[in-house]
């Protein structure tokens, strides 16, 4: 009887460890993307149109737990809506290091934050502005 209880306890423990959220070091303070765009918590970003054929987003995910999973892309219907940045995470390291912003779309009732892979989302125009200024203008200002 003790062995059955012990095995049940181990299986429950292993299952709870398997459900931990995706890794990524939390970043405090403002960040600057590789293109020179400075972002901070509380900034407002505006979604563009989804980059996939069905209208869903290629570089925006339903939550950070699902970040990078091909089946967890944000569905269509967020085009031209605003979202507030709540947190930043740093993923990978070295030259592959990139930032993910956890955002909450305005008017949404979801508990989970949406995870935005910042550089590719801006490059593919899935994110089109920050605080009301177009990404293209933010980039050209930094290069002057």
Protein backbone atom coordinates (compact mmCIF):
# COMPACT_ATOMS: atom_id res chain seq x y z
CA UNK A 1 0.00 0.00 0.00
CA UNK A 2 2.88 2.34 0.80
CA UNK A 3 4.37 1.69 -2.66
CA UNK A 4 1.14 2.67 -4.39
CA UNK A 5 0.97 5.88 -2.38
CA UNK A 6 4.66 6.58 -3.10
CA UNK A 7 4.21 6.06 -6.87
CA UNK A 8 1.12 8.26 -6.92
CA UNK A 9 2.99 11.00 -5.07
CA UNK A 10 5.93 10.86 -7.51
CA UNK A 11 3.69 10.94 -10.57
CA UNK A 12 1.79 13.98 -9.25
CA UNK A 13 5.10 15.72 -8.46
CA UNK A 14 6.50 15.05 -11.93
CA UNK A 15 3.30 16.23 -13.58
CA UNK A 16 3.37 19.54 -11.71
CA UNK A 17 7.01 20.15 -12.74
CA UNK A 18 6.12 19.45 -16.38
CA UNK A 19 3.58 22.29 -16.34
CA UNK A 20 5.97 25.06 -15.35
CA UNK A 21 5.85 28.10 -17.65
CA UNK A 22 8.32 28.59 -20.49
CA UNK A 23 11.74 29.83 -19.48
CA UNK A 24 12.84 33.36 -20.03
CA UNK A 25 14.60 35.78 -17.76
CA UNK A 26 12.37 38.61 -16.58
CA UNK A 27 13.83 42.01 -17.48
CA UNK A 28 13.20 45.04 -15.32
CA UNK A 29 13.51 48.52 -16.69
CA UNK A 30 13.39 49.71 -20.29
CA UNK A 31 14.82 47.70 -23.18
CA UNK A 32 16.20 48.66 -26.58
CA UNK A 33 15.64 46.42 -29.59
CA UNK A 34 18.38 45.64 -32.12
CA UNK A 35 16.82 48.27 -34.39
CA UNK A 36 17.23 50.92 -31.69
CA UNK A 37 13.62 51.20 -30.54
CA UNK A 38 13.36 51.89 -26.81
CA UNK A 39 10.43 50.31 -24.99
CA UNK A 40 9.30 50.38 -21.38
CA UNK A 41 6.54 48.85 -19.30
CA UNK A 42 3.31 50.78 -19.84
CA UNK A 43 4.02 51.60 -23.49
CA UNK A 44 1.16 50.99 -25.92
CA UNK A 45 1.72 48.94 -29.06
CA UNK A 46 -0.69 48.61 -31.95
CA UNK A 47 -1.20 45.33 -33.76
CA UNK A 48 -1.15 45.23 -37.54
CA UNK A 49 -2.58 42.38 -39.58
CA UNK A 50 -1.63 38.77 -38.95
CA UNK A 51 1.19 37.48 -41.12
CA UNK A 52 -0.11 33.95 -41.75
CA UNK A 53 -2.40 32.97 -44.62
CA UNK A 54 -5.39 32.40 -42.31
CA UNK A 55 -4.98 35.86 -40.72
CA UNK A 56 -3.41 34.65 -37.47
CA UNK A 57 -0.16 36.11 -36.19
CA UNK A 58 3.19 34.47 -36.86
CA UNK A 59 5.19 36.23 -34.11
CA UNK A 60 2.51 36.81 -31.45
CA UNK A 61 1.43 33.93 -29.24
CA UNK A 62 -1.58 33.29 -27.02
CA UNK A 63 0.61 33.24 -23.89
CA UNK A 64 4.24 33.06 -22.83
CA UNK A 65 3.69 29.43 -21.84
CA UNK A 66 3.01 28.72 -25.53
CA UNK A 67 5.79 30.97 -26.89
CA UNK A 68 7.42 29.45 -29.96
CA UNK A 69 4.84 26.69 -30.47
CA UNK A 70 3.51 26.65 -34.01
CA UNK A 71 0.01 25.72 -32.85
CA UNK A 72 -0.27 28.62 -30.41
CA UNK A 73 -0.22 31.63 -32.73
CA UNK A 74 -2.58 34.43 -31.82
CA UNK A 75 -5.76 34.09 -33.86
CA UNK A 76 -7.03 36.74 -36.25
CA UNK A 77 -9.28 39.52 -35.02
CA UNK A 78 -6.68 41.68 -33.26
CA UNK A 79 -5.85 43.81 -36.31
CA UNK A 80 -5.32 47.50 -35.44
CA UNK A 81 -6.13 46.97 -31.75
CA UNK A 82 -3.95 48.34 -28.98
CA UNK A 83 -2.15 46.49 -26.20
CA UNK A 84 -0.22 47.67 -23.15
CA UNK A 85 3.21 46.21 -22.35
CA UNK A 86 3.14 44.63 -18.89
CA UNK A 87 6.47 42.79 -18.75
CA UNK A 88 9.60 41.89 -20.75
CA UNK A 89 11.37 38.55 -20.98
CA UNK A 90 14.77 37.82 -22.47
CA UNK A 91 15.07 34.54 -24.35
CA UNK A 92 18.16 32.82 -25.75
CA UNK A 93 21.63 34.31 -25.28
CA UNK A 94 24.56 35.78 -27.16
CA UNK A 95 23.81 36.84 -30.73
CA UNK A 96 20.49 34.95 -30.58
CA UNK A 97 19.26 36.99 -27.58
CA UNK A 98 15.90 38.64 -28.16
CA UNK A 99 13.14 40.25 -26.17
CA UNK A 100 9.56 39.11 -25.75
CA UNK A 101 6.98 41.58 -24.51
CA UNK A 102 4.05 40.30 -22.51
CA UNK A 103 1.07 42.47 -23.41
CA UNK A 104 -2.57 42.72 -22.48
CA UNK A 105 -4.81 43.80 -25.39
CA UNK A 106 -7.19 46.62 -24.47
CA UNK A 107 -10.74 45.46 -24.02
CA UNK A 108 -9.70 41.81 -23.67
CA UNK A 109 -10.96 39.63 -20.85
CA UNK A 110 -8.24 36.97 -21.05
CA UNK A 111 -6.22 36.22 -17.92
CA UNK A 112 -3.08 35.33 -19.89
CA UNK A 113 -0.76 37.89 -21.39
CA UNK A 114 -0.08 37.70 -25.11
CA UNK A 115 3.61 37.10 -25.93
CA UNK A 116 5.10 39.26 -28.69
CA UNK A 117 8.47 38.32 -30.20
CA UNK A 118 9.38 41.97 -30.69
CA UNK A 119 11.96 42.11 -33.50
CA UNK A 120 10.24 39.79 -35.98
CA UNK A 121 6.77 41.15 -35.11
CA UNK A 122 7.91 44.69 -35.92
CA UNK A 123 9.74 43.57 -39.04
CA UNK A 124 6.70 41.71 -40.41
CA UNK A 125 4.36 44.61 -39.48
CA UNK A 126 2.38 42.56 -36.97
CA UNK A 127 3.26 45.44 -34.60
CA UNK A 128 2.89 48.73 -36.45
CA UNK A 129 3.32 51.45 -33.82
CA UNK A 130 4.54 52.25 -30.33
CA UNK A 131 2.77 54.98 -28.34
CA UNK A 132 1.12 56.24 -31.52
CA UNK A 133 4.34 56.55 -33.55
CA UNK A 134 4.84 54.26 -36.54
CA UNK A 135 7.71 51.75 -36.29
CA UNK A 136 9.20 53.07 -39.56
CA UNK A 137 9.46 56.58 -38.05
CA UNK A 138 11.01 55.25 -34.85
CA UNK A 139 13.68 53.42 -36.84
CA UNK A 140 14.48 56.38 -39.12
CA UNK A 141 14.86 58.70 -36.08
CA UNK A 142 17.47 56.39 -34.57
CA UNK A 143 19.50 56.20 -37.79
CA UNK A 144 19.85 59.99 -38.20
